Amino acid sequence: NIRGKEVKYLGKEAFCSECGNEFFVS
């Protein structure tokens, strides 16, 4: 939500190949 409007986009997420959890990658 930016300036009162929902902005949709295609993003990425990182998932650990060992434990399968999502985690932060800069």
PDB file of all heavy atoms in Angstrom:
ATOM      1  N   ASN A   1       0.847  -1.177   0.000  1.00  0.00           N
ATOM      2  CA  ASN A   1       0.000   0.000   0.000  1.00  0.00           C
ATOM      3  C   ASN A   1       0.890   1.238   0.000  1.00  0.00           C
ATOM      4  O   ASN A   1       1.650   1.459   0.943  1.00  0.00           O
ATOM      5  CB  ASN A   1      -0.915  -0.015   1.230  1.00  0.00           C
ATOM      6  CG  ASN A   1      -1.972   1.044   1.151  1.00  0.00           C
ATOM      7  OD1 ASN A   1      -1.714   2.182   0.788  1.00  0.00           O
ATOM      8  ND2 ASN A   1      -3.181   0.668   1.500  1.00  0.00           N
ATOM      9  N   ILE A   2       0.788   2.028  -1.068  1.00  0.00           N
ATOM     10  CA  ILE A   2       1.579   3.257  -1.195  1.00  0.00           C
ATOM     11  C   ILE A   2       0.624   4.400  -1.480  1.00  0.00           C
ATOM     12  O   ILE A   2      -0.145   4.359  -2.439  1.00  0.00           O
ATOM     13  CB  ILE A   2       2.618   3.151  -2.329  1.00  0.00           C
ATOM     14  CG1 ILE A   2       3.580   2.004  -2.066  1.00  0.00           C
ATOM     15  CG2 ILE A   2       3.372   4.469  -2.474  1.00  0.00           C
ATOM     16  CD1 ILE A   2       4.578   1.757  -3.177  1.00  0.00           C
ATOM     17  N   ARG A   3       0.671   5.407  -0.625  1.00  0.00           N
ATOM     18  CA  ARG A   3      -0.184   6.596  -0.762  1.00  0.00           C
ATOM     19  C   ARG A   3      -1.653   6.224  -0.904  1.00  0.00           C
ATOM     20  O   ARG A   3      -2.378   6.792  -1.705  1.00  0.00           O
ATOM     21  CB  ARG A   3       0.265   7.449  -1.943  1.00  0.00           C
ATOM     22  CG  ARG A   3       1.648   8.010  -1.789  1.00  0.00           C
ATOM     23  CD  ARG A   3       1.996   8.915  -2.923  1.00  0.00           C
ATOM     24  NE  ARG A   3       3.383   9.313  -2.805  1.00  0.00           N
ATOM     25  CZ  ARG A   3       4.079   9.866  -3.776  1.00  0.00           C
ATOM     26  NH1 ARG A   3       3.516  10.103  -4.940  1.00  0.00           N
ATOM     27  NH2 ARG A   3       5.332  10.202  -3.594  1.00  0.00           N
ATOM     28  N   GLY A   4      -2.071   5.228  -0.143  1.00  0.00           N
ATOM     29  CA  GLY A   4      -3.470   4.828  -0.122  1.00  0.00           C
ATOM     30  C   GLY A   4      -3.904   3.928  -1.258  1.00  0.00           C
ATOM     31  O   GLY A   4      -5.074   3.587  -1.362  1.00  0.00           O
ATOM     32  N   LYS A   5      -2.981   3.530  -2.126  1.00  0.00           N
ATOM     33  CA  LYS A   5      -3.329   2.649  -3.235  1.00  0.00           C
ATOM     34  C   LYS A   5      -2.513   1.374  -3.163  1.00  0.00           C
ATOM     35  O   LYS A   5      -1.311   1.400  -2.909  1.00  0.00           O
ATOM     36  CB  LYS A   5      -3.061   3.339  -4.567  1.00  0.00           C
ATOM     37  CG  LYS A   5      -3.450   2.468  -5.732  1.00  0.00           C
ATOM     38  CD  LYS A   5      -3.302   3.160  -7.048  1.00  0.00           C
ATOM     39  CE  LYS A   5      -3.780   2.185  -8.119  1.00  0.00           C
ATOM     40  NZ  LYS A   5      -3.334   2.519  -9.427  1.00  0.00           N
ATOM     41  N   GLU A   6      -3.184   0.243  -3.389  1.00  0.00           N
ATOM     42  CA  GLU A   6      -2.495  -1.041  -3.396  1.00  0.00           C
ATOM     43  C   GLU A   6      -1.763  -1.204  -4.727  1.00  0.00           C
ATOM     44  O   GLU A   6      -2.369  -1.115  -5.792  1.00  0.00           O
ATOM     45  CB  GLU A   6      -3.486  -2.178  -3.195  1.00  0.00           C
ATOM     46  CG  GLU A   6      -2.823  -3.531  -3.124  1.00  0.00           C
ATOM     47  CD  GLU A   6      -3.808  -4.660  -2.921  1.00  0.00           C
ATOM     48  OE1 GLU A   6      -5.014  -4.457  -3.135  1.00  0.00           O
ATOM     49  OE2 GLU A   6      -3.355  -5.742  -2.555  1.00  0.00           O
ATOM     50  N   VAL A   7      -0.450  -1.429  -4.649  1.00  0.00           N
ATOM     51  CA  VAL A   7       0.372  -1.636  -5.836  1.00  0.00           C
ATOM     52  C   VAL A   7       0.793  -3.099  -5.853  1.00  0.00           C
ATOM     53  O   VAL A   7       1.392  -3.587  -4.900  1.00  0.00           O
ATOM     54  CB  VAL A   7       1.621  -0.719  -5.819  1.00  0.00           C
ATOM     55  CG1 VAL A   7       2.493  -0.968  -7.032  1.00  0.00           C
ATOM     56  CG2 VAL A   7       1.211   0.740  -5.717  1.00  0.00           C
ATOM     57  N   LYS A   8       0.466  -3.794  -6.950  1.00  0.00           N
ATOM     58  CA  LYS A   8       0.817  -5.209  -7.080  1.00  0.00           C
ATOM     59  C   LYS A   8       2.017  -5.341  -8.006  1.00  0.00           C
ATOM     60  O   LYS A   8       2.132  -4.616  -8.991  1.00  0.00           O
ATOM     61  CB  LYS A   8      -0.358  -6.002  -7.636  1.00  0.00           C
ATOM     62  CG  LYS A   8      -1.532  -6.027  -6.687  1.00  0.00           C
ATOM     63  CD  LYS A   8      -2.657  -6.845  -7.245  1.00  0.00           C
ATOM     64  CE  LYS A   8      -3.821  -6.836  -6.255  1.00  0.00           C
ATOM     65  NZ  LYS A   8      -4.936  -7.624  -6.721  1.00  0.00           N
ATOM     66  N   TYR A   9       2.884  -6.289  -7.671  1.00  0.00           N
ATOM     67  CA  TYR A   9       4.075  -6.532  -8.487  1.00  0.00           C
ATOM     68  C   TYR A   9       4.529  -7.971  -8.297  1.00  0.00           C
ATOM     69  O   TYR A   9       4.134  -8.647  -7.360  1.00  0.00           O
ATOM     70  CB  TYR A   9       5.191  -5.555  -8.121  1.00  0.00           C
ATOM     71  CG  TYR A   9       5.724  -5.708  -6.714  1.00  0.00           C
ATOM     72  CD1 TYR A   9       6.923  -6.364  -6.488  1.00  0.00           C
ATOM     73  CD2 TYR A   9       5.040  -5.203  -5.613  1.00  0.00           C
ATOM     74  CE1 TYR A   9       7.426  -6.511  -5.192  1.00  0.00           C
ATOM     75  CE2 TYR A   9       5.525  -5.340  -4.331  1.00  0.00           C
ATOM     76  CZ  TYR A   9       6.720  -6.000  -4.129  1.00  0.00           C
ATOM     77  OH  TYR A   9       7.212  -6.159  -2.862  1.00  0.00           O
ATOM     78  N   LEU A  10       5.361  -8.429  -9.221  1.00  0.00           N
ATOM     79  CA  LEU A  10       5.906  -9.770  -9.142  1.00  0.00           C
ATOM     80  C   LEU A  10       7.271  -9.683  -8.471  1.00  0.00           C
ATOM     81  O   LEU A  10       8.193  -9.055  -8.993  1.00  0.00           O
ATOM     82  CB  LEU A  10       6.030 -10.382 -10.539  1.00  0.00           C
ATOM     83  CG  LEU A  10       6.305 -11.863 -10.607  1.00  0.00           C
ATOM     84  CD1 LEU A  10       5.199 -12.662  -9.911  1.00  0.00           C
ATOM     85  CD2 LEU A  10       6.424 -12.309 -12.055  1.00  0.00           C
ATOM     86  N   GLY A  11       7.383 -10.279  -7.292  1.00  0.00           N
ATOM     87  CA  GLY A  11       8.617 -10.229  -6.525  1.00  0.00           C
ATOM     88  C   GLY A  11       9.213 -11.614  -6.327  1.00  0.00           C
ATOM     89  O   GLY A  11       8.697 -12.608  -6.839  1.00  0.00           O
ATOM     90  N   LYS A  12      10.293 -11.648  -5.584  1.00  0.00           N
ATOM     91  CA  LYS A  12      10.971 -12.909  -5.293  1.00  0.00           C
ATOM     92  C   LYS A  12      11.005 -13.149  -3.790  1.00  0.00           C
ATOM     93  O   LYS A  12      10.963 -12.206  -3.006  1.00  0.00           O
ATOM     94  CB  LYS A  12      12.419 -12.880  -5.796  1.00  0.00           C
ATOM     95  CG  LYS A  12      12.556 -12.836  -7.288  1.00  0.00           C
ATOM     96  CD  LYS A  12      14.025 -12.843  -7.679  1.00  0.00           C
ATOM     97  CE  LYS A  12      14.214 -12.774  -9.172  1.00  0.00           C
ATOM     98  NZ  LYS A  12      15.655 -12.756  -9.527  1.00  0.00           N
ATOM     99  N   GLU A  13      11.129 -14.422  -3.417  1.00  0.00           N
ATOM    100  CA  GLU A  13      11.369 -14.824  -2.034  1.00  0.00           C
ATOM    101  C   GLU A  13      12.456 -15.886  -2.051  1.00  0.00           C
ATOM    102  O   GLU A  13      12.580 -16.638  -3.017  1.00  0.00           O
ATOM    103  CB  GLU A  13      10.100 -15.380  -1.391  1.00  0.00           C
ATOM    104  CG  GLU A  13       9.036 -14.334  -1.185  1.00  0.00           C
ATOM    105  CD  GLU A  13       7.754 -14.873  -0.583  1.00  0.00           C
ATOM    106  OE1 GLU A  13       7.588 -16.111  -0.477  1.00  0.00           O
ATOM    107  OE2 GLU A  13       6.898 -14.053  -0.231  1.00  0.00           O
ATOM    108  N   ALA A  14      13.248 -15.938  -0.982  1.00  0.00           N
ATOM    109  CA  ALA A  14      14.335 -16.922  -0.869  1.00  0.00           C
ATOM    110  C   ALA A  14      13.954 -17.982   0.145  1.00  0.00           C
ATOM    111  O   ALA A  14      13.454 -17.671   1.227  1.00  0.00           O
ATOM    112  CB  ALA A  14      15.622 -16.235  -0.427  1.00  0.00           C
ATOM    113  N   PHE A  15      14.215 -19.249  -0.223  1.00  0.00           N
ATOM    114  CA  PHE A  15      13.928 -20.369   0.664  1.00  0.00           C
ATOM    115  C   PHE A  15      15.183 -21.216   0.818  1.00  0.00           C
ATOM    116  O   PHE A  15      15.820 -21.592  -0.166  1.00  0.00           O
ATOM    117  CB  PHE A  15      12.788 -21.222   0.117  1.00  0.00           C
ATOM    118  CG  PHE A  15      11.471 -20.513   0.149  1.00  0.00           C
ATOM    119  CD1 PHE A  15      11.065 -19.730  -0.915  1.00  0.00           C
ATOM    120  CD2 PHE A  15      10.654 -20.604   1.259  1.00  0.00           C
ATOM    121  CE1 PHE A  15       9.862 -19.053  -0.885  1.00  0.00           C
ATOM    122  CE2 PHE A  15       9.437 -19.932   1.307  1.00  0.00           C
ATOM    123  CZ  PHE A  15       9.040 -19.150   0.228  1.00  0.00           C
ATOM    124  N   CYS A  16      15.541 -21.499   2.049  1.00  0.00           N
ATOM    125  CA  CYS A  16      16.729 -22.283   2.373  1.00  0.00           C
ATOM    126  C   CYS A  16      16.600 -23.688   1.798  1.00  0.00           C
ATOM    127  O   CYS A  16      15.574 -24.348   1.962  1.00  0.00           O
ATOM    128  CB  CYS A  16      16.887 -22.344   3.892  1.00  0.00           C
ATOM    129  SG  CYS A  16      18.251 -23.388   4.447  1.00  0.00           S
ATOM    130  N   SER A  17      17.662 -24.159   1.146  1.00  0.00           N
ATOM    131  CA  SER A  17      17.633 -25.515   0.591  1.00  0.00           C
ATOM    132  C   SER A  17      17.852 -26.573   1.670  1.00  0.00           C
ATOM    133  O   SER A  17      17.602 -27.749   1.439  1.00  0.00           O
ATOM    134  CB  SER A  17      18.680 -25.660  -0.511  1.00  0.00           C
ATOM    135  OG  SER A  17      19.966 -25.434   0.002  1.00  0.00           O
ATOM    136  N   GLU A  18      18.291 -26.169   2.862  1.00  0.00           N
ATOM    137  CA  GLU A  18      18.502 -27.116   3.966  1.00  0.00           C
ATOM    138  C   GLU A  18      17.240 -27.297   4.811  1.00  0.00           C
ATOM    139  O   GLU A  18      16.774 -28.399   5.013  1.00  0.00           O
ATOM    140  CB  GLU A  18      19.654 -26.644   4.862  1.00  0.00           C
ATOM    141  CG  GLU A  18      20.996 -26.550   4.159  1.00  0.00           C
ATOM    142  CD  GLU A  18      21.514 -27.898   3.705  1.00  0.00           C
ATOM    143  OE1 GLU A  18      21.357 -28.877   4.471  1.00  0.00           O
ATOM    144  OE2 GLU A  18      22.056 -27.970   2.592  1.00  0.00           O
ATOM    145  N   CYS A  19      16.689 -26.178   5.327  1.00  0.00           N
ATOM    146  CA  CYS A  19      15.543 -26.282   6.242  1.00  0.00           C
ATOM    147  C   CYS A  19      14.206 -25.927   5.580  1.00  0.00           C
ATOM    148  O   CYS A  19      13.158 -26.187   6.156  1.00  0.00           O
ATOM    149  CB  CYS A  19      15.765 -25.403   7.470  1.00  0.00           C
ATOM    150  SG  CYS A  19      15.704 -23.626   7.144  1.00  0.00           S
ATOM    151  N   GLY A  20      14.255 -25.302   4.413  1.00  0.00           N
ATOM    152  CA  GLY A  20      13.028 -24.969   3.696  1.00  0.00           C
ATOM    153  C   GLY A  20      12.356 -23.680   4.122  1.00  0.00           C
ATOM    154  O   GLY A  20      11.360 -23.273   3.531  1.00  0.00           O
ATOM    155  N   ASN A  21      12.884 -23.006   5.144  1.00  0.00           N
ATOM    156  CA  ASN A  21      12.284 -21.765   5.613  1.00  0.00           C
ATOM    157  C   ASN A  21      12.630 -20.606   4.694  1.00  0.00           C
ATOM    158  O   ASN A  21      13.697 -20.559   4.097  1.00  0.00           O
ATOM    159  CB  ASN A  21      12.776 -21.430   7.020  1.00  0.00           C
ATOM    160  CG  ASN A  21      12.145 -22.303   8.069  1.00  0.00           C
ATOM    161  OD1 ASN A  21      10.937 -22.402   8.159  1.00  0.00           O
ATOM    162  ND2 ASN A  21      12.982 -22.950   8.866  1.00  0.00           N
ATOM    163  N   GLU A  22      11.703 -19.639   4.631  1.00  0.00           N
ATOM    164  CA  GLU A  22      11.986 -18.397   3.930  1.00  0.00           C
ATOM    165  C   GLU A  22      12.954 -17.578   4.786  1.00  0.00           C
ATOM    166  O   GLU A  22      12.848 -17.570   6.018  1.00  0.00           O
ATOM    167  CB  GLU A  22      10.697 -17.607   3.718  1.00  0.00           C
ATOM    168  CG  GLU A  22      10.922 -16.311   2.981  1.00  0.00           C
ATOM    169  CD  GLU A  22       9.650 -15.509   2.795  1.00  0.00           C
ATOM    170  OE1 GLU A  22       8.567 -15.960   3.211  1.00  0.00           O
ATOM    171  OE2 GLU A  22       9.756 -14.412   2.235  1.00  0.00           O
ATOM    172  N   PHE A  23      13.896 -16.897   4.146  1.00  0.00           N
ATOM    173  CA  PHE A  23      14.814 -16.056   4.899  1.00  0.00           C
ATOM    174  C   PHE A  23      15.243 -14.852   4.080  1.00  0.00           C
ATOM    175  O   PHE A  23      15.006 -14.781   2.879  1.00  0.00           O
ATOM    176  CB  PHE A  23      16.011 -16.848   5.444  1.00  0.00           C
ATOM    177  CG  PHE A  23      16.980 -17.355   4.395  1.00  0.00           C
ATOM    178  CD1 PHE A  23      18.202 -16.733   4.211  1.00  0.00           C
ATOM    179  CD2 PHE A  23      16.682 -18.462   3.625  1.00  0.00           C
ATOM    180  CE1 PHE A  23      19.098 -17.195   3.265  1.00  0.00           C
ATOM    181  CE2 PHE A  23      17.576 -18.939   2.686  1.00  0.00           C
ATOM    182  CZ  PHE A  23      18.785 -18.304   2.498  1.00  0.00           C
ATOM    183  N   PHE A  24      15.838 -13.875   4.757  1.00  0.00           N
ATOM    184  CA  PHE A  24      16.207 -12.601   4.157  1.00  0.00           C
ATOM    185  C   PHE A  24      17.490 -12.718   3.340  1.00  0.00           C
ATOM    186  O   PHE A  24      18.492 -13.247   3.810  1.00  0.00           O
ATOM    187  CB  PHE A  24      16.410 -11.553   5.266  1.00  0.00           C
ATOM    188  CG  PHE A  24      16.892 -10.231   4.741  1.00  0.00           C
ATOM    189  CD1 PHE A  24      15.994  -9.336   4.190  1.00  0.00           C
ATOM    190  CD2 PHE A  24      18.228  -9.899   4.783  1.00  0.00           C
ATOM    191  CE1 PHE A  24      16.433  -8.118   3.692  1.00  0.00           C
ATOM    192  CE2 PHE A  24      18.681  -8.692   4.303  1.00  0.00           C
ATOM    193  CZ  PHE A  24      17.779  -7.798   3.752  1.00  0.00           C
ATOM    194  N   VAL A  25      17.435 -12.193   2.104  1.00  0.00           N
ATOM    195  CA  VAL A  25      18.612 -12.077   1.247  1.00  0.00           C
ATOM    196  C   VAL A  25      18.591 -10.653   0.695  1.00  0.00           C
ATOM    197  O   VAL A  25      17.617 -10.244   0.052  1.00  0.00           O
ATOM    198  CB  VAL A  25      18.582 -13.111   0.103  1.00  0.00           C
ATOM    199  CG1 VAL A  25      19.748 -12.908  -0.844  1.00  0.00           C
ATOM    200  CG2 VAL A  25      18.583 -14.527   0.659  1.00  0.00           C
ATOM    201  N   SER A  26      19.640  -9.886   0.937  1.00  0.00           N
ATOM    202  CA  SER A  26      19.641  -8.475   0.567  1.00  0.00           C
ATOM    203  C   SER A  26      19.473  -8.252  -0.933  1.00  0.00           C
ATOM    204  O   SER A  26      18.801  -7.310  -1.353  1.00  0.00           O
ATOM    205  CB  SER A  26      20.900  -7.774   1.083  1.00  0.00           C
ATOM    206  OG  SER A  26      22.048  -8.343   0.501  1.00  0.00           O
TER     207      SER A  26
END
